[in-house]
Amino acid sequence: MVKKRISRRKFNSMQQLSNQDGVIAALAIDQRGSMVKMMESAVGKERYHIDMVYEFKELVSQELTKYVSAILLDEEYGFKGMKSKSQNAGLILSYEKTGYDVNTPGRLPEILPEESIQRLIKKGADAAKVLVYYNPDDPKDILDKKHAFLERLGDEARAADLPVFVEPIVYDNHILDDKSPDFAKIKPSKVIRTIEEFTQDRYHIDVLKVEVPVLFKFVEGFNESNPVVYSQKDAANYFKVASDAATRPFIYLSAGVPTKLFHQELIFAGQSGAKYCGILGGRATWFDGVAAYASGGKDGLIKWLDTVGRDNVEHLNQILKQYANPWYQIYGGKDNIEVFDINLA
């Protein structure tokens, strides 16, 4: 195997974002508009104040980064969380504008206009993260715009010498309910083709933050009252094929599923032979803390984080210990990586 060349700062940043096993055991709380809606719904419009969102992210970061390898935050609402995180935890900062322009076809991505990767580095980032809505079946002109966007992003990250995490979220232009059985049938193909596209060298993406390739609530034996869309054998094959398509490290996002379901997904992925190198776990880790904060304030949230929240994280860490792989394994291990220095002067 040809040695993989990685700059020293990128290599050190990847290690900072990983635990002692080389696994990215990270917490995600970079929700913006959706976080405001969650909090407003929990406390009621009359009680709601934006400071509640700031404090919630601050306390989640303060308490739970003791047990994770890194945290993903946005500066807009998570600036207090950036300061309160454990010094041992790496920092990933969101670099994209939230949402997309519904009046422009294609759900086109856009970088925060007041930011650059150089600026994120100055704010302490160990990596930048960009979410991109992606439909491999979109018209060529839409795909060209997104491909060029990510090529530019990769080049900027290379020039600034900082890892970039890209989060492609698949969608369809005809089946709009992405939680439906109909979407479940087409999702595996879309996720697999998306991974095939964005692990190509020309994008220079360091880590793909991907969805699991199935809607797990429709997997036989895990579907509860939902219809069965996938047999366990078919679901396992989709996990394996999606993993085999990756030529760069990939991690799973929790996609807002319940805690128990996220645990089941990760175990099933590992048992199916998926070589994922970690997670960015969001609402599956801290979502019920919103209600704890709404009813008990700061003290109530801290109590919840130090008990249920910590248990959620520790359970995930145990699953990762058993099933996740070091990020450098995809390159043949540490011994197959050539670390080199870049002069940025």
C-alpha atoms as a PDB file:
ATOM      1  CA  MET A   1       0.000   0.000   0.000  1.00  0.00           C
ATOM      2  CA  VAL A   2       1.281   3.450  -0.964  1.00  0.00           C
ATOM      3  CA  LYS A   3       1.941   5.621   2.084  1.00  0.00           C
ATOM      4  CA  LYS A   4      -0.627   8.302   2.851  1.00  0.00           C
ATOM      5  CA  ARG A   5       0.918  11.768   3.202  1.00  0.00           C
ATOM      6  CA  ILE A   6      -0.691  13.983   5.863  1.00  0.00           C
ATOM      7  CA  SER A   7       0.622  17.317   7.107  1.00  0.00           C
ATOM      8  CA  ARG A   8       1.816  17.404  10.695  1.00  0.00           C
ATOM      9  CA  ARG A   9      -0.846  19.882  11.843  1.00  0.00           C
ATOM     10  CA  LYS A  10      -3.660  17.919  10.216  1.00  0.00           C
ATOM     11  CA  PHE A  11      -2.348  14.708  11.758  1.00  0.00           C
ATOM     12  CA  ASN A  12      -2.068  16.309  15.206  1.00  0.00           C
ATOM     13  CA  SER A  13      -5.540  17.817  14.841  1.00  0.00           C
ATOM     14  CA  MET A  14      -7.019  14.447  13.952  1.00  0.00           C
ATOM     15  CA  GLN A  15      -5.361  12.947  16.999  1.00  0.00           C
ATOM     16  CA  GLN A  16      -6.699  15.773  19.181  1.00  0.00           C
ATOM     17  CA  LEU A  17     -10.210  15.006  17.898  1.00  0.00           C
ATOM     18  CA  SER A  18      -9.820  11.297  18.651  1.00  0.00           C
ATOM     19  CA  ASN A  19      -9.640   9.242  21.819  1.00  0.00           C
ATOM     20  CA  GLN A  20      -6.673   7.107  22.845  1.00  0.00           C
ATOM     21  CA  ASP A  21      -7.813   4.395  20.414  1.00  0.00           C
ATOM     22  CA  GLY A  22      -7.792   6.773  17.436  1.00  0.00           C
ATOM     23  CA  VAL A  23     -11.605   6.802  17.387  1.00  0.00           C
ATOM     24  CA  ILE A  24     -13.585  10.034  16.997  1.00  0.00           C
ATOM     25  CA  ALA A  25     -15.975   9.808  19.971  1.00  0.00           C
ATOM     26  CA  ALA A  26     -17.471  13.254  19.527  1.00  0.00           C
ATOM     27  CA  LEU A  27     -20.516  15.206  20.658  1.00  0.00           C
ATOM     28  CA  ALA A  28     -22.518  17.381  18.259  1.00  0.00           C
ATOM     29  CA  ILE A  29     -24.517  20.386  19.397  1.00  0.00           C
ATOM     30  CA  ASP A  30     -24.233  22.808  16.492  1.00  0.00           C
ATOM     31  CA  GLN A  31     -27.985  23.032  15.860  1.00  0.00           C
ATOM     32  CA  ARG A  32     -29.074  26.612  15.388  1.00  0.00           C
ATOM     33  CA  GLY A  33     -32.637  27.318  14.230  1.00  0.00           C
ATOM     34  CA  SER A  34     -33.781  23.864  15.334  1.00  0.00           C
ATOM     35  CA  MET A  35     -32.191  24.410  18.764  1.00  0.00           C
ATOM     36  CA  VAL A  36     -34.158  27.617  19.200  1.00  0.00           C
ATOM     37  CA  LYS A  37     -37.374  25.798  18.265  1.00  0.00           C
ATOM     38  CA  MET A  38     -36.615  22.947  20.697  1.00  0.00           C
ATOM     39  CA  MET A  39     -36.016  25.323  23.562  1.00  0.00           C
ATOM     40  CA  GLU A  40     -38.979  27.557  22.773  1.00  0.00           C
ATOM     41  CA  SER A  41     -41.264  24.516  22.595  1.00  0.00           C
ATOM     42  CA  ALA A  42     -39.931  23.163  25.904  1.00  0.00           C
ATOM     43  CA  VAL A  43     -40.157  26.330  27.994  1.00  0.00           C
ATOM     44  CA  GLY A  44     -43.054  28.051  26.218  1.00  0.00           C
ATOM     45  CA  LYS A  45     -43.002  31.242  24.167  1.00  0.00           C
ATOM     46  CA  GLU A  46     -43.710  33.467  27.154  1.00  0.00           C
ATOM     47  CA  ARG A  47     -40.695  32.192  29.145  1.00  0.00           C
ATOM     48  CA  TYR A  48     -38.314  31.695  26.240  1.00  0.00           C
ATOM     49  CA  HIS A  49     -35.205  33.878  25.931  1.00  0.00           C
ATOM     50  CA  ILE A  50     -32.204  33.386  23.653  1.00  0.00           C
ATOM     51  CA  ASP A  51     -29.918  33.308  26.705  1.00  0.00           C
ATOM     52  CA  MET A  52     -31.444  29.909  27.489  1.00  0.00           C
ATOM     53  CA  VAL A  53     -29.977  28.471  24.290  1.00  0.00           C
ATOM     54  CA  TYR A  54     -26.580  29.983  25.107  1.00  0.00           C
ATOM     55  CA  GLU A  55     -26.659  28.525  28.622  1.00  0.00           C
ATOM     56  CA  PHE A  56     -27.893  25.126  27.481  1.00  0.00           C
ATOM     57  CA  LYS A  57     -25.026  24.727  25.028  1.00  0.00           C
ATOM     58  CA  GLU A  58     -22.577  26.046  27.613  1.00  0.00           C
ATOM     59  CA  LEU A  59     -23.646  23.480  30.211  1.00  0.00           C
ATOM     60  CA  VAL A  60     -23.804  20.549  27.785  1.00  0.00           C
ATOM     61  CA  SER A  61     -20.292  21.381  26.642  1.00  0.00           C
ATOM     62  CA  GLN A  62     -19.039  21.930  30.202  1.00  0.00           C
ATOM     63  CA  GLU A  63     -20.376  18.645  31.566  1.00  0.00           C
ATOM     64  CA  LEU A  64     -20.219  16.172  28.681  1.00  0.00           C
ATOM     65  CA  THR A  65     -16.869  17.052  27.084  1.00  0.00           C
ATOM     66  CA  LYS A  66     -15.277  15.393  30.131  1.00  0.00           C
ATOM     67  CA  TYR A  67     -16.245  12.080  28.511  1.00  0.00           C
ATOM     68  CA  VAL A  68     -15.882  12.676  24.751  1.00  0.00           C
ATOM     69  CA  SER A  69     -12.930  13.194  22.436  1.00  0.00           C
ATOM     70  CA  ALA A  70     -14.326  16.323  20.742  1.00  0.00           C
ATOM     71  CA  ILE A  71     -17.343  18.586  20.400  1.00  0.00           C
ATOM     72  CA  LEU A  72     -18.977  20.154  17.345  1.00  0.00           C
ATOM     73  CA  LEU A  73     -20.315  23.647  18.018  1.00  0.00           C
ATOM     74  CA  ASP A  74     -21.513  26.708  16.155  1.00  0.00           C
ATOM     75  CA  GLU A  75     -20.177  30.076  17.246  1.00  0.00           C
ATOM     76  CA  GLU A  76     -23.520  31.891  16.850  1.00  0.00           C
ATOM     77  CA  TYR A  77     -25.262  30.077  19.713  1.00  0.00           C
ATOM     78  CA  GLY A  78     -22.409  27.986  21.075  1.00  0.00           C
ATOM     79  CA  PHE A  79     -19.815  30.673  21.862  1.00  0.00           C
ATOM     80  CA  LYS A  80     -20.152  29.991  25.590  1.00  0.00           C
ATOM     81  CA  GLY A  81     -19.806  26.269  24.955  1.00  0.00           C
ATOM     82  CA  MET A  82     -16.539  26.915  23.112  1.00  0.00           C
ATOM     83  CA  LYS A  83     -15.147  28.436  26.309  1.00  0.00           C
ATOM     84  CA  SER A  84     -16.614  25.911  28.742  1.00  0.00           C
ATOM     85  CA  LYS A  85     -15.480  22.696  27.039  1.00  0.00           C
ATOM     86  CA  SER A  86     -12.832  20.456  28.552  1.00  0.00           C
ATOM     87  CA  GLN A  87      -9.314  21.375  27.451  1.00  0.00           C
ATOM     88  CA  ASN A  88      -8.764  17.742  26.510  1.00  0.00           C
ATOM     89  CA  ALA A  89     -11.630  17.729  24.009  1.00  0.00           C
ATOM     90  CA  GLY A  90     -11.029  18.788  20.423  1.00  0.00           C
ATOM     91  CA  LEU A  91     -13.154  21.528  18.844  1.00  0.00           C
ATOM     92  CA  ILE A  92     -14.962  21.280  15.511  1.00  0.00           C
ATOM     93  CA  LEU A  93     -16.659  24.481  14.343  1.00  0.00           C
ATOM     94  CA  SER A  94     -19.541  24.746  11.881  1.00  0.00           C
ATOM     95  CA  TYR A  95     -18.559  26.664   8.780  1.00  0.00           C
ATOM     96  CA  GLU A  96     -21.811  26.675   6.790  1.00  0.00           C
ATOM     97  CA  LYS A  97     -24.902  28.857   6.966  1.00  0.00           C
ATOM     98  CA  THR A  98     -27.765  26.933   8.496  1.00  0.00           C
ATOM     99  CA  GLY A  99     -30.543  25.780   6.169  1.00  0.00           C
ATOM    100  CA  TYR A 100     -30.833  26.717   2.496  1.00  0.00           C
ATOM    101  CA  ASP A 101     -32.678  29.141   0.232  1.00  0.00           C
ATOM    102  CA  VAL A 102     -36.009  27.457  -0.507  1.00  0.00           C
ATOM    103  CA  ASN A 103     -36.556  29.764  -3.497  1.00  0.00           C
ATOM    104  CA  THR A 104     -33.429  28.519  -5.289  1.00  0.00           C
ATOM    105  CA  PRO A 105     -33.461  25.003  -6.772  1.00  0.00           C
ATOM    106  CA  GLY A 106     -31.013  22.441  -5.446  1.00  0.00           C
ATOM    107  CA  ARG A 107     -30.671  23.237  -1.720  1.00  0.00           C
ATOM    108  CA  LEU A 108     -27.351  24.926  -2.455  1.00  0.00           C
ATOM    109  CA  PRO A 109     -24.800  25.222   0.381  1.00  0.00           C
ATOM    110  CA  GLU A 110     -23.298  28.504   1.529  1.00  0.00           C
ATOM    111  CA  ILE A 111     -20.346  29.282   3.768  1.00  0.00           C
ATOM    112  CA  LEU A 112     -20.803  31.759   6.639  1.00  0.00           C
ATOM    113  CA  PRO A 113     -19.920  35.040   4.901  1.00  0.00           C
ATOM    114  CA  GLU A 114     -18.038  36.464   7.894  1.00  0.00           C
ATOM    115  CA  GLU A 115     -15.855  33.374   8.373  1.00  0.00           C
ATOM    116  CA  SER A 116     -12.828  31.691   6.835  1.00  0.00           C
ATOM    117  CA  ILE A 117     -10.892  28.629   7.891  1.00  0.00           C
ATOM    118  CA  GLN A 118      -8.052  30.914   8.987  1.00  0.00           C
ATOM    119  CA  ARG A 119     -10.516  32.674  11.302  1.00  0.00           C
ATOM    120  CA  LEU A 120     -11.802  29.377  12.665  1.00  0.00           C
ATOM    121  CA  ILE A 121      -8.221  28.374  13.483  1.00  0.00           C
ATOM    122  CA  LYS A 122      -7.756  31.590  15.446  1.00  0.00           C
ATOM    123  CA  LYS A 123     -10.881  30.728  17.423  1.00  0.00           C
ATOM    124  CA  GLY A 124      -9.354  27.416  18.459  1.00  0.00           C
ATOM    125  CA  ALA A 125     -10.847  25.047  15.887  1.00  0.00           C
ATOM    126  CA  ASP A 126      -9.199  21.670  15.368  1.00  0.00           C
ATOM    127  CA  ALA A 127     -11.443  21.113  12.327  1.00  0.00           C
ATOM    128  CA  ALA A 128     -14.120  22.832  10.259  1.00  0.00           C
ATOM    129  CA  LYS A 129     -17.447  21.167   9.434  1.00  0.00           C
ATOM    130  CA  VAL A 130     -19.712  21.833   6.472  1.00  0.00           C
ATOM    131  CA  LEU A 131     -23.150  20.314   5.905  1.00  0.00           C
ATOM    132  CA  VAL A 132     -24.250  19.832   2.298  1.00  0.00           C
ATOM    133  CA  TYR A 133     -27.649  18.586   1.157  1.00  0.00           C
ATOM    134  CA  TYR A 134     -26.917  16.150  -1.647  1.00  0.00           C
ATOM    135  CA  ASN A 135     -29.019  14.221  -4.132  1.00  0.00           C
ATOM    136  CA  PRO A 136     -26.890  12.186  -6.553  1.00  0.00           C
ATOM    137  CA  ASP A 137     -29.906  12.129  -8.889  1.00  0.00           C
ATOM    138  CA  ASP A 138     -30.104  15.931  -9.207  1.00  0.00           C
ATOM    139  CA  PRO A 139     -29.612  17.577 -12.619  1.00  0.00           C
ATOM    140  CA  LYS A 140     -26.005  17.978 -13.730  1.00  0.00           C
ATOM    141  CA  ASP A 141     -25.969  21.765 -13.265  1.00  0.00           C
ATOM    142  CA  ILE A 142     -26.925  21.394  -9.589  1.00  0.00           C
ATOM    143  CA  LEU A 143     -24.360  18.646  -9.008  1.00  0.00           C
ATOM    144  CA  ASP A 144     -21.645  20.694 -10.696  1.00  0.00           C
ATOM    145  CA  LYS A 145     -22.269  23.586  -8.311  1.00  0.00           C
ATOM    146  CA  LYS A 146     -22.024  21.350  -5.252  1.00  0.00           C
ATOM    147  CA  HIS A 147     -18.976  19.487  -6.532  1.00  0.00           C
ATOM    148  CA  ALA A 148     -17.183  22.759  -7.274  1.00  0.00           C
ATOM    149  CA  PHE A 149     -18.203  24.133  -3.876  1.00  0.00           C
ATOM    150  CA  LEU A 150     -16.632  21.158  -2.095  1.00  0.00           C
ATOM    151  CA  GLU A 151     -13.534  21.245  -4.285  1.00  0.00           C
ATOM    152  CA  ARG A 152     -12.992  24.875  -3.238  1.00  0.00           C
ATOM    153  CA  LEU A 153     -13.636  23.980   0.395  1.00  0.00           C
ATOM    154  CA  GLY A 154     -11.090  21.164   0.281  1.00  0.00           C
ATOM    155  CA  ASP A 155      -8.496  23.426  -1.304  1.00  0.00           C
ATOM    156  CA  GLU A 156      -9.066  26.120   1.338  1.00  0.00           C
ATOM    157  CA  ALA A 157      -8.667  23.553   4.112  1.00  0.00           C
ATOM    158  CA  ARG A 158      -5.464  22.251   2.536  1.00  0.00           C
ATOM    159  CA  ALA A 159      -4.057  25.757   2.202  1.00  0.00           C
ATOM    160  CA  ALA A 160      -4.987  26.621   5.808  1.00  0.00           C
ATOM    161  CA  ASP A 161      -3.763  23.177   6.945  1.00  0.00           C
ATOM    162  CA  LEU A 162      -6.867  22.236   8.929  1.00  0.00           C
ATOM    163  CA  PRO A 163      -8.988  19.073   8.685  1.00  0.00           C
ATOM    164  CA  VAL A 164     -12.410  19.511   7.121  1.00  0.00           C
ATOM    165  CA  PHE A 165     -15.418  17.354   7.985  1.00  0.00           C
ATOM    166  CA  VAL A 166     -18.180  17.223   5.367  1.00  0.00           C
ATOM    167  CA  GLU A 167     -21.706  16.120   6.268  1.00  0.00           C
ATOM    168  CA  PRO A 168     -23.698  15.149   3.148  1.00  0.00           C
ATOM    169  CA  ILE A 169     -27.417  14.729   3.882  1.00  0.00           C
ATOM    170  CA  VAL A 170     -29.234  12.910   1.085  1.00  0.00           C
ATOM    171  CA  TYR A 171     -32.662  13.857  -0.199  1.00  0.00           C
ATOM    172  CA  ASP A 172     -34.997  13.268  -3.121  1.00  0.00           C
ATOM    173  CA  ASN A 173     -36.935  15.753  -5.217  1.00  0.00           C
ATOM    174  CA  HIS A 174     -40.042  13.583  -5.492  1.00  0.00           C
ATOM    175  CA  ILE A 175     -40.238  11.733  -2.173  1.00  0.00           C
ATOM    176  CA  LEU A 176     -40.110  14.680   0.203  1.00  0.00           C
ATOM    177  CA  ASP A 177     -40.757  12.797   3.450  1.00  0.00           C
ATOM    178  CA  ASP A 178     -37.288  11.505   4.278  1.00  0.00           C
ATOM    179  CA  LYS A 179     -38.640   9.474   7.210  1.00  0.00           C
ATOM    180  CA  SER A 180     -41.121   7.497   5.084  1.00  0.00           C
ATOM    181  CA  PRO A 181     -41.015   3.870   3.879  1.00  0.00           C
ATOM    182  CA  ASP A 182     -40.836   5.121   0.290  1.00  0.00           C
ATOM    183  CA  PHE A 183     -37.717   7.130   1.037  1.00  0.00           C
ATOM    184  CA  ALA A 184     -36.287   4.189   2.969  1.00  0.00           C
ATOM    185  CA  LYS A 185     -36.317   2.149  -0.243  1.00  0.00           C
ATOM    186  CA  ILE A 186     -34.158   4.616  -2.167  1.00  0.00           C
ATOM    187  CA  LYS A 187     -31.926   5.844   0.642  1.00  0.00           C
ATOM    188  CA  PRO A 188     -29.244   3.107   0.515  1.00  0.00           C
ATOM    189  CA  SER A 189     -28.372   3.809  -3.110  1.00  0.00           C
ATOM    190  CA  LYS A 190     -28.216   7.549  -2.491  1.00  0.00           C
ATOM    191  CA  VAL A 191     -25.957   7.210   0.574  1.00  0.00           C
ATOM    192  CA  ILE A 192     -23.615   4.736  -1.153  1.00  0.00           C
ATOM    193  CA  ARG A 193     -23.241   6.886  -4.279  1.00  0.00           C
ATOM    194  CA  THR A 194     -22.685   9.974  -2.132  1.00  0.00           C
ATOM    195  CA  ILE A 195     -19.863   8.261  -0.239  1.00  0.00           C
ATOM    196  CA  GLU A 196     -18.344   7.077  -3.534  1.00  0.00           C
ATOM    197  CA  GLU A 197     -18.358  10.658  -4.798  1.00  0.00           C
ATOM    198  CA  PHE A 198     -16.984  12.530  -1.823  1.00  0.00           C
ATOM    199  CA  THR A 199     -14.213  10.177  -0.800  1.00  0.00           C
ATOM    200  CA  GLN A 200     -12.535  10.905  -4.143  1.00  0.00           C
ATOM    201  CA  ASP A 201      -9.133  12.564  -3.743  1.00  0.00           C
ATOM    202  CA  ARG A 202     -10.090  15.713  -5.645  1.00  0.00           C
ATOM    203  CA  TYR A 203     -12.290  16.914  -2.787  1.00  0.00           C
ATOM    204  CA  HIS A 204      -9.571  16.606  -0.125  1.00  0.00           C
ATOM    205  CA  ILE A 205     -12.213  15.869   2.517  1.00  0.00           C
ATOM    206  CA  ASP A 206     -10.558  14.575   5.687  1.00  0.00           C
ATOM    207  CA  VAL A 207     -13.616  12.993   7.340  1.00  0.00           C
ATOM    208  CA  LEU A 208     -17.085  12.248   6.014  1.00  0.00           C
ATOM    209  CA  LYS A 209     -19.841  12.598   8.591  1.00  0.00           C
ATOM    210  CA  VAL A 210     -22.482  10.339   7.056  1.00  0.00           C
ATOM    211  CA  GLU A 211     -25.926   8.984   7.704  1.00  0.00           C
ATOM    212  CA  VAL A 212     -26.338   5.252   8.195  1.00  0.00           C
ATOM    213  CA  PRO A 213     -27.401   3.904   4.779  1.00  0.00           C
ATOM    214  CA  VAL A 214     -30.854   2.729   5.879  1.00  0.00           C
ATOM    215  CA  LEU A 215     -33.771   4.108   7.849  1.00  0.00           C
ATOM    216  CA  PHE A 216     -33.182   1.772  10.754  1.00  0.00           C
ATOM    217  CA  LYS A 217     -36.723   1.914  12.103  1.00  0.00           C
ATOM    218  CA  PHE A 218     -37.767  -0.116   9.047  1.00  0.00           C
ATOM    219  CA  VAL A 219     -35.233  -2.928   9.555  1.00  0.00           C
ATOM    220  CA  GLU A 220     -36.711  -6.325  10.359  1.00  0.00           C
ATOM    221  CA  GLY A 221     -36.473  -6.963  14.094  1.00  0.00           C
ATOM    222  CA  PHE A 222     -35.913  -3.285  14.931  1.00  0.00           C
ATOM    223  CA  ASN A 223     -39.080  -1.870  13.336  1.00  0.00           C
ATOM    224  CA  GLU A 224     -41.460  -2.125  16.343  1.00  0.00           C
ATOM    225  CA  SER A 225     -44.812  -0.948  14.888  1.00  0.00           C
ATOM    226  CA  ASN A 226     -43.314   0.288  11.609  1.00  0.00           C
ATOM    227  CA  PRO A 227     -43.494  -1.692   8.351  1.00  0.00           C
ATOM    228  CA  VAL A 228     -40.497  -3.783   7.314  1.00  0.00           C
ATOM    229  CA  VAL A 229     -38.614  -2.305   4.370  1.00  0.00           C
ATOM    230  CA  TYR A 230     -35.320  -4.170   4.815  1.00  0.00           C
ATOM    231  CA  SER A 231     -34.506  -7.676   5.969  1.00  0.00           C
ATOM    232  CA  GLN A 232     -31.599  -7.780   8.397  1.00  0.00           C
ATOM    233  CA  LYS A 233     -29.501  -9.454   5.699  1.00  0.00           C
ATOM    234  CA  ASP A 234     -30.206  -6.664   3.197  1.00  0.00           C
ATOM    235  CA  ALA A 235     -29.592  -3.946   5.787  1.00  0.00           C
ATOM    236  CA  ALA A 236     -26.271  -5.532   6.777  1.00  0.00           C
ATOM    237  CA  ASN A 237     -25.241  -5.628   3.137  1.00  0.00           C
ATOM    238  CA  TYR A 238     -26.042  -1.929   2.689  1.00  0.00           C
ATOM    239  CA  PHE A 239     -23.866  -1.062   5.703  1.00  0.00           C
ATOM    240  CA  LYS A 240     -20.989  -3.134   4.326  1.00  0.00           C
ATOM    241  CA  VAL A 241     -21.246  -1.802   0.751  1.00  0.00           C
ATOM    242  CA  ALA A 242     -21.419   1.813   1.981  1.00  0.00           C
ATOM    243  CA  SER A 243     -18.379   1.237   4.186  1.00  0.00           C
ATOM    244  CA  ASP A 244     -16.413  -0.436   1.398  1.00  0.00           C
ATOM    245  CA  ALA A 245     -17.143   2.541  -0.862  1.00  0.00           C
ATOM    246  CA  ALA A 246     -15.225   4.883   1.451  1.00  0.00           C
ATOM    247  CA  THR A 247     -11.572   5.590   0.774  1.00  0.00           C
ATOM    248  CA  ARG A 248     -11.310   8.139   3.582  1.00  0.00           C
ATOM    249  CA  PRO A 249     -12.341   8.061   7.259  1.00  0.00           C
ATOM    250  CA  PHE A 250     -16.064   8.279   7.914  1.00  0.00           C
ATOM    251  CA  ILE A 251     -18.121   8.676  11.067  1.00  0.00           C
ATOM    252  CA  TYR A 252     -21.842   8.337  11.709  1.00  0.00           C
ATOM    253  CA  LEU A 253     -24.215  11.106  12.728  1.00  0.00           C
ATOM    254  CA  SER A 254     -27.184  10.372  14.955  1.00  0.00           C
ATOM    255  CA  ALA A 255     -29.700  12.182  12.697  1.00  0.00           C
ATOM    256  CA  GLY A 256     -32.019  12.946  15.600  1.00  0.00           C
ATOM    257  CA  VAL A 257     -33.011   9.319  16.226  1.00  0.00           C
ATOM    258  CA  PRO A 258     -33.813   8.182  19.785  1.00  0.00           C
ATOM    259  CA  THR A 259     -30.881   7.150  21.976  1.00  0.00           C
ATOM    260  CA  LYS A 260     -31.693   3.425  21.966  1.00  0.00           C
ATOM    261  CA  LEU A 261     -32.068   3.347  18.175  1.00  0.00           C
ATOM    262  CA  PHE A 262     -28.714   5.083  17.660  1.00  0.00           C
ATOM    263  CA  HIS A 263     -27.048   2.476  19.868  1.00  0.00           C
ATOM    264  CA  GLN A 264     -28.693  -0.290  17.835  1.00  0.00           C
ATOM    265  CA  GLU A 265     -27.511   1.289  14.576  1.00  0.00           C
ATOM    266  CA  LEU A 266     -23.894   1.457  15.729  1.00  0.00           C
ATOM    267  CA  ILE A 267     -23.844  -2.126  16.993  1.00  0.00           C
ATOM    268  CA  PHE A 268     -25.517  -3.410  13.829  1.00  0.00           C
ATOM    269  CA  ALA A 269     -23.059  -1.438  11.674  1.00  0.00           C
ATOM    270  CA  GLY A 270     -20.092  -2.956  13.467  1.00  0.00           C
ATOM    271  CA  GLN A 271     -21.516  -6.464  13.295  1.00  0.00           C
ATOM    272  CA  SER A 272     -22.143  -5.960   9.573  1.00  0.00           C
ATOM    273  CA  GLY A 273     -18.497  -5.144   8.904  1.00  0.00           C
ATOM    274  CA  ALA A 274     -18.785  -1.361   8.539  1.00  0.00           C
ATOM    275  CA  LYS A 275     -15.385   0.199   9.252  1.00  0.00           C
ATOM    276  CA  TYR A 276     -16.602   3.450  10.756  1.00  0.00           C
ATOM    277  CA  CYS A 277     -14.097   5.443  12.817  1.00  0.00           C
ATOM    278  CA  GLY A 278     -16.454   7.086  15.274  1.00  0.00           C
ATOM    279  CA  ILE A 279     -19.491   9.283  15.675  1.00  0.00           C
ATOM    280  CA  LEU A 280     -20.727  12.804  16.057  1.00  0.00           C
ATOM    281  CA  GLY A 281     -23.662  12.073  18.340  1.00  0.00           C
ATOM    282  CA  GLY A 282     -26.148  14.894  18.780  1.00  0.00           C
ATOM    283  CA  ARG A 283     -29.744  14.760  19.969  1.00  0.00           C
ATOM    284  CA  ALA A 284     -29.469  11.043  20.763  1.00  0.00           C
ATOM    285  CA  THR A 285     -27.093  12.136  23.536  1.00  0.00           C
ATOM    286  CA  TRP A 286     -28.581  15.330  24.982  1.00  0.00           C
ATOM    287  CA  PHE A 287     -32.135  15.852  23.650  1.00  0.00           C
ATOM    288  CA  ASP A 288     -33.984  14.899  26.860  1.00  0.00           C
ATOM    289  CA  GLY A 289     -31.825  17.443  28.662  1.00  0.00           C
ATOM    290  CA  VAL A 290     -33.897  20.197  27.044  1.00  0.00           C
ATOM    291  CA  ALA A 291     -36.927  19.106  29.066  1.00  0.00           C
ATOM    292  CA  ALA A 292     -34.765  18.806  32.188  1.00  0.00           C
ATOM    293  CA  TYR A 293     -33.603  22.389  31.659  1.00  0.00           C
ATOM    294  CA  ALA A 294     -37.135  23.627  31.026  1.00  0.00           C
ATOM    295  CA  SER A 295     -38.424  22.129  34.276  1.00  0.00           C
ATOM    296  CA  GLY A 296     -35.378  22.447  36.540  1.00  0.00           C
ATOM    297  CA  GLY A 297     -33.322  25.298  35.129  1.00  0.00           C
ATOM    298  CA  LYS A 298     -29.535  25.282  35.314  1.00  0.00           C
ATOM    299  CA  ASP A 299     -29.345  22.976  38.344  1.00  0.00           C
ATOM    300  CA  GLY A 300     -31.839  20.549  36.838  1.00  0.00           C
ATOM    301  CA  LEU A 301     -29.884  20.343  33.606  1.00  0.00           C
ATOM    302  CA  ILE A 302     -26.549  19.823  35.355  1.00  0.00           C
ATOM    303  CA  LYS A 303     -28.069  17.001  37.399  1.00  0.00           C
ATOM    304  CA  TRP A 304     -29.463  15.399  34.237  1.00  0.00           C
ATOM    305  CA  LEU A 305     -26.158  15.793  32.360  1.00  0.00           C
ATOM    306  CA  ASP A 306     -24.155  14.298  35.211  1.00  0.00           C
ATOM    307  CA  THR A 307     -26.438  11.250  35.376  1.00  0.00           C
ATOM    308  CA  VAL A 308     -28.488  10.387  32.281  1.00  0.00           C
ATOM    309  CA  GLY A 309     -26.380  12.449  29.894  1.00  0.00           C
ATOM    310  CA  ARG A 310     -23.159  10.920  31.143  1.00  0.00           C
ATOM    311  CA  ASP A 311     -24.664   7.426  30.929  1.00  0.00           C
ATOM    312  CA  ASN A 312     -25.667   8.097  27.315  1.00  0.00           C
ATOM    313  CA  VAL A 313     -22.111   9.123  26.444  1.00  0.00           C
ATOM    314  CA  GLU A 314     -20.468   6.287  28.348  1.00  0.00           C
ATOM    315  CA  HIS A 315     -22.742   3.742  26.672  1.00  0.00           C
ATOM    316  CA  LEU A 316     -21.726   5.136  23.281  1.00  0.00           C
ATOM    317  CA  ASN A 317     -18.068   4.979  24.297  1.00  0.00           C
ATOM    318  CA  GLN A 318     -18.475   1.299  25.164  1.00  0.00           C
ATOM    319  CA  ILE A 319     -20.028   0.583  21.766  1.00  0.00           C
ATOM    320  CA  LEU A 320     -17.239   2.474  19.993  1.00  0.00           C
ATOM    321  CA  LYS A 321     -14.641   0.577  22.007  1.00  0.00           C
ATOM    322  CA  GLN A 322     -16.024  -2.663  20.638  1.00  0.00           C
ATOM    323  CA  TYR A 323     -16.952  -1.749  17.059  1.00  0.00           C
ATOM    324  CA  ALA A 324     -15.285   1.459  15.845  1.00  0.00           C
ATOM    325  CA  ASN A 325     -11.919   1.647  14.100  1.00  0.00           C
ATOM    326  CA  PRO A 326      -9.046   4.155  14.359  1.00  0.00           C
ATOM    327  CA  TRP A 327      -9.379   6.925  11.781  1.00  0.00           C
ATOM    328  CA  TYR A 328      -5.980   6.025  10.344  1.00  0.00           C
ATOM    329  CA  GLN A 329      -6.880   2.386   9.743  1.00  0.00           C
ATOM    330  CA  ILE A 330      -8.368   3.222   6.364  1.00  0.00           C
ATOM    331  CA  TYR A 331      -4.859   4.285   5.287  1.00  0.00           C
ATOM    332  CA  GLY A 332      -3.286   1.070   6.524  1.00  0.00           C
ATOM    333  CA  GLY A 333      -2.489   2.231  10.056  1.00  0.00           C
ATOM    334  CA  LYS A 334      -0.202   4.844  11.578  1.00  0.00           C
ATOM    335  CA  ASP A 335       2.896   3.158  10.156  1.00  0.00           C
ATOM    336  CA  ASN A 336       1.566   3.753   6.658  1.00  0.00           C
ATOM    337  CA  ILE A 337       1.162   7.507   7.170  1.00  0.00           C
ATOM    338  CA  GLU A 338       3.948   9.873   6.202  1.00  0.00           C
ATOM    339  CA  VAL A 339       3.701  13.052   8.265  1.00  0.00           C
ATOM    340  CA  PHE A 340       5.249  16.117   6.676  1.00  0.00           C
ATOM    341  CA  ASP A 341       5.679  19.780   7.615  1.00  0.00           C
ATOM    342  CA  ILE A 342       4.120  22.692   5.719  1.00  0.00           C
ATOM    343  CA  ASN A 343       5.627  26.157   5.803  1.00  0.00           C
ATOM    344  CA  LEU A 344       2.674  28.541   6.032  1.00  0.00           C
ATOM    345  CA  ALA A 345       4.811  31.657   6.244  1.00  0.00           C
END
